[in-house]
Amino acid sequence: MPARARSSSPSPGSTTAETHSWQGVSVTDPRVFAIVGASLTGARAAEELRSAGFAGRIVLIGAEHELPYERPPLSKGYLLGTDPRDKAYVHPADWYADHDVELLLGVRATNLDTATHTVTLDGRDPVRYDKLLLATGSRVRRLDVPGADLPGVRYLRTLPDADALATELPAARHVVVVGAGWIGLETAAAARSHGAEVTVVELDRAPLRRVLGDEVAAVFTALHEAHGVDFRFGAGVREFHAAAGRLASVILTDGTELDAEVAIVGVGITPAVELAGSAGLAVDNGITVDASLRTGDPDVYAAGDVANVAHPVLGKGIRVEHWSNARNGGTAAARSMLGDPVSYDRIPYFFTDQYDLGMEYAGWVEPGGYDRVVFRGDPKAGEFIAFWLKDNRVLAGMNVNVWDVQEQIQALVRAGYAGQPVDPAKLADPGVPL
């Protein structure tokens, strides 16, 4: 894609038309598309706008000081020490200038006025927009217990968070992970790979149980126990205890004291809806949007972690906190902002890598929303596909160390949500094509 160079640079909020060089042709387009959230979602939206030929001004605003980056490397390759830090970046630094995207880093959006189409920025002139995408993402839930601010108590949401863990984990002898969700288990695997003794503390009776149910949660319990992880189920954290000014141990609600040089807290995230809420946009477990990713305001859109989307296949509003949704949602939102017909109907998808287990999951099942799990293959052998069924309809499928089956799994999920049942016996038989 050819580089674009601006020949005039009006101040933010100006309605003066801008002239650009586009494939050697002077183009004037007065429109301003603003994106709040210099994230994977925001960066992909900016990329799609330029790829689709949008010739107006794009302003990408991010509160962090980092270039837009993807989050999976933070708990996988970078934390394991197998990938370089810059692999997380969505684009190299010069991509934004080359594509005439104004990247404002370290800048918070403090107010949104939909009546005047204005975003107020901290320490900058306001930006007046024609179309606005909210890609504000989520923030970690923090524990409110004594010692929670001690050096050595870590969270993993941002690239600087990963920097700190990448420095501390190789030297840690004892690591306590609080929360047995995806982040908790991936960081537990990373800590074990660095040689630490790892204890995972979880209030529930099994890891990932609310997502996977008891049947498949047992697979992850066995996986981590086989790699030396100690689980403490049914317990929470009462206190982080210090010695010499930094974390020395974690005291649980049952009184147990666990040695720890590092504690990693992964107890979920909360959508960053403050900007939308203060502007009067509908908020309900995220920013409420229709299938085109548009809010109740026709010029404001939302995508990624922060968006609660009216899903046309699932028939309900859902908010998805995974990489695939962040990536694809930004592209779809850009198309919608341009006026293209968009129905964001992608089946929710995520993946994980832990030790020698690689997994992909597609579908959507509420806690307790299924009546049986069908295994295709033997979970104890480490290669299988699991299907979550309700009234013999496939709601979700997960392939573990079995590859090139996602297309078939997602087709079964679409059919299941359309009301089409399957024969569970055939579904379980590896000799019957999916």
Protein backbone atom coordinates (compact mmCIF):
# COMPACT_ATOMS: atom_id res chain seq x y z
CA MET A 1 0.00 0.00 0.00
CA PRO A 2 1.53 3.37 -0.94
CA ALA A 3 2.45 5.88 1.71
CA ARG A 4 0.23 8.88 2.25
CA ALA A 5 1.60 12.32 3.04
CA ARG A 6 -0.51 15.14 4.42
CA SER A 7 0.08 18.52 2.83
CA SER A 8 -1.87 20.48 5.39
CA SER A 9 -2.26 19.88 9.11
CA PRO A 10 -5.21 21.68 10.74
CA SER A 11 -5.58 21.56 14.50
CA PRO A 12 -7.77 18.88 16.10
CA GLY A 13 -11.44 19.78 15.83
CA SER A 14 -11.00 21.77 12.65
CA THR A 15 -13.52 21.21 9.87
CA THR A 16 -11.12 22.43 7.22
CA ALA A 17 -10.73 19.94 4.37
CA GLU A 18 -7.40 18.17 4.16
CA THR A 19 -5.43 17.42 1.02
CA HIS A 20 -3.60 14.10 0.77
CA SER A 21 -1.41 12.44 -1.78
CA TRP A 22 -3.10 9.16 -2.65
CA GLN A 23 -1.38 7.03 -5.30
CA GLY A 24 -0.01 10.19 -6.82
CA VAL A 25 -3.40 11.94 -6.90
CA SER A 26 -4.37 14.89 -4.70
CA VAL A 27 -7.43 13.93 -2.66
CA THR A 28 -9.54 16.16 -0.45
CA ASP A 29 -11.71 14.52 2.20
CA PRO A 30 -12.99 16.61 5.13
CA ARG A 31 -14.12 13.66 7.24
CA VAL A 32 -12.48 12.80 10.55
CA PHE A 33 -12.69 9.25 11.90
CA ALA A 34 -11.48 9.02 15.49
CA ILE A 35 -10.62 5.81 17.35
CA VAL A 36 -10.32 5.82 21.13
CA GLY A 37 -8.14 2.87 22.09
CA ALA A 38 -4.75 2.31 20.46
CA SER A 39 -5.23 -1.43 20.80
CA LEU A 40 -5.33 -4.40 18.45
CA THR A 41 -8.94 -3.47 17.71
CA GLY A 42 -8.10 0.18 17.10
CA ALA A 43 -5.05 -0.55 14.97
CA ARG A 44 -6.91 -3.06 12.81
CA ALA A 45 -9.74 -0.59 12.32
CA ALA A 46 -7.28 2.08 11.15
CA GLU A 47 -5.64 -0.44 8.81
CA GLU A 48 -8.97 -1.46 7.31
CA LEU A 49 -10.06 2.15 6.80
CA ARG A 50 -6.95 2.84 4.72
CA SER A 51 -7.19 -0.49 2.89
CA ALA A 52 -10.77 0.35 1.94
CA GLY A 53 -9.65 3.68 0.47
CA PHE A 54 -10.78 6.08 3.19
CA ALA A 55 -8.92 9.31 2.44
CA GLY A 56 -9.96 11.43 5.41
CA ARG A 57 -8.20 12.02 8.68
CA ILE A 58 -7.73 9.11 11.12
CA VAL A 59 -6.87 9.88 14.75
CA LEU A 60 -5.92 6.87 16.90
CA ILE A 61 -5.84 7.77 20.60
CA GLY A 62 -4.24 5.56 23.25
CA ALA A 63 -3.77 6.04 26.98
CA GLU A 64 -0.75 3.70 27.01
CA HIS A 65 2.69 4.82 25.83
CA GLU A 66 3.25 1.64 23.81
CA LEU A 67 2.52 1.14 20.13
CA PRO A 68 -0.67 -0.89 19.62
CA TYR A 69 0.05 -4.52 20.49
CA GLU A 70 -1.55 -7.94 20.68
CA ARG A 71 -2.02 -9.58 24.07
CA PRO A 72 -1.49 -13.33 23.43
CA PRO A 73 2.34 -13.04 23.33
CA LEU A 74 2.27 -11.47 26.79
CA SER A 75 1.27 -14.75 28.48
CA LYS A 76 2.77 -17.06 25.87
CA GLY A 77 5.96 -16.59 23.83
CA TYR A 78 7.29 -13.39 25.42
CA LEU A 79 6.74 -14.63 28.97
CA LEU A 80 8.30 -17.99 28.10
CA GLY A 81 11.33 -16.21 26.64
CA THR A 82 10.86 -17.72 23.18
CA ASP A 83 9.59 -14.58 21.39
CA PRO A 84 11.06 -11.05 21.29
CA ARG A 85 9.16 -8.17 22.83
CA ASP A 86 8.43 -6.42 19.53
CA LYS A 87 6.62 -9.47 18.16
CA ALA A 88 3.59 -8.23 20.12
CA TYR A 89 3.26 -5.02 18.09
CA VAL A 90 0.45 -4.91 15.53
CA HIS A 91 2.51 -2.75 13.15
CA PRO A 92 6.04 -1.37 13.17
CA ALA A 93 6.43 2.20 14.41
CA ASP A 94 6.71 3.76 10.95
CA TRP A 95 3.51 2.13 9.66
CA TYR A 96 1.30 4.81 11.23
CA ALA A 97 3.08 7.78 9.64
CA ASP A 98 3.40 5.91 6.34
CA HIS A 99 -0.38 5.43 6.28
CA ASP A 100 -1.18 8.91 7.57
CA VAL A 101 -2.66 7.70 10.86
CA GLU A 102 -2.26 10.23 13.66
CA LEU A 103 -1.16 8.10 16.61
CA LEU A 104 -1.57 9.88 19.95
CA LEU A 105 0.05 7.78 22.68
CA GLY A 106 -0.03 8.47 26.40
CA VAL A 107 -3.20 10.52 25.88
CA ARG A 108 -6.43 9.87 27.80
CA ALA A 109 -9.85 10.62 26.39
CA THR A 110 -11.65 12.28 29.28
CA ASN A 111 -15.05 13.18 27.84
CA LEU A 112 -17.30 12.37 24.91
CA ASP A 113 -19.95 14.82 23.73
CA THR A 114 -22.05 13.11 21.09
CA ALA A 115 -24.12 16.26 20.46
CA THR A 116 -21.07 18.19 19.26
CA HIS A 117 -19.19 15.11 17.99
CA THR A 118 -16.25 15.98 20.23
CA VAL A 119 -13.77 13.90 22.22
CA THR A 120 -11.96 15.80 24.96
CA LEU A 121 -8.35 14.77 25.57
CA ASP A 122 -6.15 15.19 28.61
CA GLY A 123 -3.49 17.78 27.80
CA ARG A 124 -4.43 18.05 24.10
CA ASP A 125 -6.87 19.98 21.99
CA PRO A 126 -10.21 18.21 21.57
CA VAL A 127 -10.90 16.14 18.45
CA ARG A 128 -14.07 16.67 16.51
CA TYR A 129 -15.14 13.54 14.65
CA ASP A 130 -17.56 12.49 11.95
CA LYS A 131 -17.42 8.83 13.03
CA LEU A 132 -16.04 7.47 16.30
CA LEU A 133 -14.95 3.97 17.30
CA LEU A 134 -14.69 3.12 20.99
CA ALA A 135 -12.06 0.40 21.40
CA THR A 136 -11.31 1.13 25.05
CA GLY A 137 -10.92 -2.53 26.01
CA SER A 138 -10.89 -3.70 29.61
CA ARG A 139 -8.89 -3.37 32.80
CA VAL A 140 -7.90 -6.00 35.33
CA ARG A 141 -9.86 -6.62 38.48
CA ARG A 142 -7.60 -5.97 41.45
CA LEU A 143 -7.58 -7.64 44.83
CA ASP A 144 -8.37 -5.39 47.77
CA VAL A 145 -6.44 -7.14 50.54
CA PRO A 146 -3.54 -6.11 52.77
CA GLY A 147 -0.23 -6.08 50.91
CA ALA A 148 -1.82 -5.93 47.46
CA ASP A 149 0.55 -3.12 46.42
CA LEU A 150 3.76 -4.89 47.47
CA PRO A 151 6.62 -5.31 44.99
CA GLY A 152 6.27 -8.82 43.61
CA VAL A 153 2.47 -8.77 43.40
CA ARG A 154 1.81 -8.71 39.68
CA TYR A 155 -1.02 -8.57 37.16
CA LEU A 156 -0.81 -9.34 33.47
CA ARG A 157 -2.74 -7.08 31.15
CA THR A 158 -0.23 -4.69 29.58
CA LEU A 159 3.14 -4.99 27.90
CA PRO A 160 4.89 -3.33 30.87
CA ASP A 161 3.18 -5.92 33.10
CA ALA A 162 4.73 -8.63 30.92
CA ASP A 163 8.12 -6.87 31.07
CA ALA A 164 8.08 -7.07 34.86
CA LEU A 165 7.11 -10.75 34.90
CA ALA A 166 9.64 -11.64 32.19
CA THR A 167 12.32 -10.14 34.43
CA GLU A 168 11.15 -11.67 37.72
CA LEU A 169 10.00 -15.18 36.80
CA PRO A 170 13.41 -16.63 35.84
CA ALA A 171 14.76 -15.78 39.32
CA ALA A 172 11.67 -16.80 41.32
CA ARG A 173 11.77 -20.02 43.33
CA HIS A 174 8.14 -19.89 44.48
CA VAL A 175 5.26 -18.41 42.48
CA VAL A 176 1.65 -18.19 43.60
CA VAL A 177 -0.98 -17.69 40.92
CA VAL A 178 -4.32 -16.32 42.11
CA GLY A 179 -7.13 -17.37 39.78
CA ALA A 180 -7.31 -20.47 37.58
CA GLY A 181 -8.64 -18.85 34.41
CA TRP A 182 -6.83 -18.69 31.08
CA ILE A 183 -4.31 -16.06 32.20
CA GLY A 184 -3.72 -17.85 35.48
CA LEU A 185 -3.03 -21.19 33.84
CA GLU A 186 -0.85 -19.77 31.07
CA THR A 187 1.27 -17.85 33.56
CA ALA A 188 1.46 -20.94 35.77
CA ALA A 189 2.82 -22.89 32.80
CA ALA A 190 5.35 -20.13 32.09
CA ALA A 191 6.50 -20.05 35.71
CA ARG A 192 6.96 -23.84 35.72
CA SER A 193 8.97 -23.59 32.50
CA HIS A 194 11.33 -21.23 34.32
CA GLY A 195 11.75 -23.79 37.11
CA ALA A 196 9.66 -22.22 39.87
CA GLU A 197 7.49 -24.14 42.32
CA VAL A 198 3.95 -23.03 41.43
CA THR A 199 0.77 -23.00 43.49
CA VAL A 200 -2.52 -21.95 41.91
CA VAL A 201 -5.19 -20.61 44.29
CA GLU A 202 -8.78 -20.78 43.04
CA LEU A 203 -12.09 -20.12 44.79
CA ASP A 204 -13.93 -22.63 42.60
CA ARG A 205 -13.51 -26.40 42.72
CA ALA A 206 -11.67 -26.70 39.39
CA PRO A 207 -9.84 -24.49 36.88
CA LEU A 208 -11.90 -22.92 34.08
CA ARG A 209 -15.03 -24.62 35.36
CA ARG A 210 -17.37 -21.75 34.53
CA VAL A 211 -16.12 -21.78 30.94
CA LEU A 212 -15.59 -25.49 30.29
CA GLY A 213 -17.66 -27.30 32.92
CA ASP A 214 -16.45 -30.07 35.21
CA GLU A 215 -15.80 -32.61 32.46
CA VAL A 216 -13.16 -30.62 30.56
CA ALA A 217 -11.90 -28.66 33.56
CA ALA A 218 -10.60 -32.01 34.82
CA VAL A 219 -8.33 -32.21 31.76
CA PHE A 220 -6.59 -28.96 32.73
CA THR A 221 -6.33 -29.98 36.37
CA ALA A 222 -4.57 -33.19 35.33
CA LEU A 223 -2.34 -31.36 32.84
CA HIS A 224 -0.98 -28.93 35.38
CA GLU A 225 -0.67 -31.46 38.16
CA ALA A 226 1.35 -33.68 35.81
CA HIS A 227 3.74 -30.73 35.40
CA GLY A 228 4.12 -30.22 39.14
CA VAL A 229 1.57 -27.46 39.83
CA ASP A 230 -0.14 -27.55 43.23
CA PHE A 231 -3.79 -26.44 43.24
CA ARG A 232 -5.54 -24.98 46.27
CA PHE A 233 -9.24 -25.04 45.42
CA GLY A 234 -11.93 -23.41 47.54
CA ALA A 235 -9.54 -20.80 48.88
CA GLY A 236 -8.90 -17.11 48.39
CA VAL A 237 -6.23 -14.63 49.44
CA ARG A 238 -6.42 -13.01 52.87
CA GLU A 239 -3.12 -11.13 52.75
CA PHE A 240 0.12 -10.65 50.84
CA HIS A 241 2.87 -10.75 53.47
CA ALA A 242 6.09 -8.74 53.20
CA ALA A 243 9.68 -9.22 54.29
CA ALA A 244 12.38 -6.62 53.63
CA GLY A 245 9.89 -4.45 51.79
CA ARG A 246 8.65 -6.92 49.16
CA LEU A 247 6.44 -9.97 48.82
CA ALA A 248 7.55 -12.99 50.86
CA SER A 249 4.41 -15.09 51.19
CA VAL A 250 0.70 -15.31 50.45
CA ILE A 251 -1.71 -16.04 53.30
CA LEU A 252 -4.91 -17.79 52.21
CA THR A 253 -8.39 -17.46 53.68
CA ASP A 254 -8.00 -20.87 55.32
CA GLY A 255 -4.86 -19.68 57.13
CA THR A 256 -2.34 -21.48 54.93
CA GLU A 257 0.84 -19.48 54.26
CA LEU A 258 2.57 -20.04 50.91
CA ASP A 259 6.12 -18.86 50.20
CA ALA A 260 6.24 -16.57 47.17
CA GLU A 261 8.73 -14.21 45.59
CA VAL A 262 6.15 -13.49 42.88
CA ALA A 263 2.35 -13.60 42.97
CA ILE A 264 0.38 -13.29 39.75
CA VAL A 265 -3.23 -12.19 40.13
CA GLY A 266 -5.61 -13.19 37.34
CA VAL A 267 -9.15 -12.78 38.60
CA GLY A 268 -10.77 -11.34 35.49
CA ILE A 269 -11.23 -8.07 33.68
CA THR A 270 -13.84 -5.31 33.60
CA PRO A 271 -14.88 -3.50 30.39
CA ALA A 272 -13.75 0.14 30.27
CA VAL A 273 -17.14 1.74 29.68
CA GLU A 274 -16.70 5.04 31.54
CA LEU A 275 -16.37 7.23 28.45
CA ALA A 276 -19.46 5.70 26.85
CA GLY A 277 -21.48 5.77 30.04
CA SER A 278 -20.75 9.43 30.74
CA ALA A 279 -21.91 10.25 27.21
CA GLY A 280 -25.26 8.59 27.82
CA LEU A 281 -24.64 5.58 25.58
CA ALA A 282 -26.24 2.30 26.64
CA VAL A 283 -23.97 0.19 28.84
CA ASP A 284 -24.74 -3.34 30.00
CA ASN A 285 -21.72 -5.58 30.64
CA GLY A 286 -19.93 -3.51 28.04
CA ILE A 287 -21.04 -0.93 25.51
CA THR A 288 -24.24 -2.15 23.91
CA VAL A 289 -24.06 -2.34 20.11
CA ASP A 290 -26.11 -3.92 17.35
CA ALA A 291 -24.83 -6.49 14.85
CA SER A 292 -23.21 -3.70 12.82
CA LEU A 293 -21.23 -2.68 15.95
CA ARG A 294 -23.10 0.63 16.12
CA THR A 295 -24.24 2.09 19.45
CA GLY A 296 -27.52 3.94 19.91
CA ASP A 297 -25.77 6.97 18.41
CA PRO A 298 -25.51 6.51 14.63
CA ASP A 299 -22.00 7.96 14.51
CA VAL A 300 -20.48 6.03 17.42
CA TYR A 301 -19.33 2.41 17.23
CA ALA A 302 -17.70 -0.01 19.66
CA ALA A 303 -15.67 -3.19 19.15
CA GLY A 304 -13.34 -5.56 20.97
CA ASP A 305 -13.42 -6.43 24.68
CA VAL A 306 -15.59 -3.45 25.53
CA ALA A 307 -18.46 -4.22 23.13
CA ASN A 308 -21.55 -6.21 24.06
CA VAL A 309 -22.70 -7.25 20.59
CA ALA A 310 -26.18 -8.38 19.55
CA HIS A 311 -24.93 -11.59 17.92
CA PRO A 312 -27.07 -12.59 14.92
CA VAL A 313 -26.24 -16.31 15.18
CA LEU A 314 -26.40 -16.75 18.94
CA GLY A 315 -29.50 -14.57 19.22
CA LYS A 316 -28.27 -12.71 22.29
CA GLY A 317 -25.88 -9.97 23.35
CA ILE A 318 -22.40 -11.27 24.13
CA ARG A 319 -19.10 -9.71 25.14
CA VAL A 320 -16.01 -11.67 24.06
CA GLU A 321 -12.64 -11.06 25.73
CA HIS A 322 -10.33 -12.82 23.28
CA TRP A 323 -7.77 -12.01 20.59
CA SER A 324 -9.84 -13.13 17.61
CA ASN A 325 -12.72 -10.83 18.54
CA ALA A 326 -10.37 -7.87 19.05
CA ARG A 327 -8.76 -8.45 15.66
CA ASN A 328 -11.88 -9.17 13.62
CA GLY A 329 -14.07 -6.66 15.44
CA GLY A 330 -11.80 -3.76 14.51
CA THR A 331 -11.95 -4.68 10.83
CA ALA A 332 -15.73 -5.09 10.90
CA ALA A 333 -16.24 -1.80 12.75
CA ALA A 334 -14.19 0.06 10.14
CA ARG A 335 -16.39 -1.31 7.38
CA SER A 336 -19.48 -0.32 9.29
CA MET A 337 -18.14 3.21 9.85
CA LEU A 338 -17.69 3.49 6.08
CA GLY A 339 -21.34 2.62 5.53
CA ASP A 340 -20.88 -0.95 4.34
CA PRO A 341 -23.54 -3.47 5.42
CA VAL A 342 -22.04 -5.39 8.34
CA SER A 343 -23.46 -8.26 10.35
CA TYR A 344 -20.82 -9.31 12.86
CA ASP A 345 -21.65 -12.99 13.08
CA ARG A 346 -18.26 -14.57 13.74
CA ILE A 347 -18.38 -17.53 16.09
CA PRO A 348 -16.44 -16.69 19.28
CA TYR A 349 -12.98 -18.29 19.10
CA PHE A 350 -9.96 -18.49 21.33
CA PHE A 351 -6.84 -20.59 21.75
CA THR A 352 -4.26 -21.47 24.36
CA ASP A 353 -0.86 -23.15 24.57
CA GLN A 354 0.15 -24.73 27.87
CA TYR A 355 3.16 -27.07 28.08
CA ASP A 356 2.63 -29.63 25.29
CA LEU A 357 -1.09 -28.88 24.96
CA GLY A 358 -2.40 -26.70 22.13
CA MET A 359 -6.09 -25.97 22.01
CA GLU A 360 -8.68 -24.08 19.96
CA TYR A 361 -12.24 -23.42 21.13
CA ALA A 362 -15.19 -22.11 19.14
CA GLY A 363 -18.72 -21.44 20.31
CA TRP A 364 -20.57 -20.00 23.25
CA VAL A 365 -21.94 -21.79 26.30
CA GLU A 366 -23.26 -20.03 29.37
CA PRO A 367 -22.34 -21.64 32.72
CA GLY A 368 -24.68 -24.60 33.11
CA GLY A 369 -26.05 -24.03 29.60
CA TYR A 370 -25.31 -27.52 28.25
CA ASP A 371 -26.61 -30.98 29.15
CA ARG A 372 -23.73 -33.20 28.02
CA VAL A 373 -20.16 -33.21 26.76
CA VAL A 374 -19.25 -35.57 23.92
CA PHE A 375 -15.59 -36.56 23.56
CA ARG A 376 -14.22 -37.59 20.19
CA GLY A 377 -11.01 -39.35 21.14
CA ASP A 378 -9.53 -40.06 24.56
CA PRO A 379 -8.83 -37.03 26.78
CA LYS A 380 -6.26 -39.06 28.73
CA ALA A 381 -4.27 -39.58 25.52
CA GLY A 382 -3.95 -35.80 25.07
CA GLU A 383 -5.55 -35.67 21.60
CA PHE A 384 -9.30 -35.21 21.37
CA ILE A 385 -12.20 -32.98 20.43
CA ALA A 386 -14.87 -32.07 22.99
CA PHE A 387 -18.36 -30.88 22.08
CA TRP A 388 -20.83 -29.17 24.38
CA LEU A 389 -24.42 -30.14 23.52
CA LYS A 390 -27.87 -28.97 24.51
CA ASP A 391 -30.78 -31.10 23.29
CA ASN A 392 -28.27 -32.73 20.89
CA ARG A 393 -27.39 -29.35 19.36
CA VAL A 394 -23.69 -28.42 19.28
CA LEU A 395 -23.11 -25.14 21.11
CA ALA A 396 -19.31 -25.25 21.24
CA GLY A 397 -16.36 -27.42 20.30
CA MET A 398 -12.75 -27.60 21.43
CA ASN A 399 -9.92 -29.36 19.61
CA VAL A 400 -6.91 -30.36 21.72
CA ASN A 401 -3.74 -31.30 19.83
CA VAL A 402 -5.97 -32.09 16.84
CA TRP A 403 -5.61 -29.62 14.00
CA ASP A 404 -7.36 -28.35 10.86
CA VAL A 405 -10.85 -29.01 12.20
CA GLN A 406 -11.98 -25.51 13.18
CA GLU A 407 -13.95 -24.98 9.99
CA GLN A 408 -15.99 -28.11 10.66
CA ILE A 409 -16.44 -27.30 14.36
CA GLN A 410 -17.71 -23.81 13.61
CA ALA A 411 -20.11 -25.17 10.99
CA LEU A 412 -21.52 -27.54 13.63
CA VAL A 413 -21.91 -24.65 16.08
CA ARG A 414 -23.75 -22.54 13.50
CA ALA A 415 -26.03 -25.47 12.73
CA GLY A 416 -26.59 -26.08 16.43
CA TYR A 417 -27.66 -22.52 17.07
CA ALA A 418 -29.96 -22.79 14.04
CA GLY A 419 -31.71 -25.68 15.80
CA GLN A 420 -30.19 -28.62 13.94
CA PRO A 421 -29.46 -31.66 16.16
CA VAL A 422 -26.66 -34.18 15.71
CA ASP A 423 -26.28 -37.86 16.51
CA PRO A 424 -24.00 -37.90 19.58
CA ALA A 425 -22.75 -41.41 18.79
CA LYS A 426 -21.61 -40.38 15.31
CA LEU A 427 -20.13 -37.17 16.70
CA ALA A 428 -17.99 -39.22 19.09
CA ASP A 429 -16.81 -41.64 16.41
CA PRO A 430 -13.46 -40.58 14.84
CA GLY A 431 -14.33 -42.78 11.86
CA VAL A 432 -17.31 -40.58 10.95
CA PRO A 433 -16.31 -37.34 9.18
CA LEU A 434 -17.24 -34.19 11.06
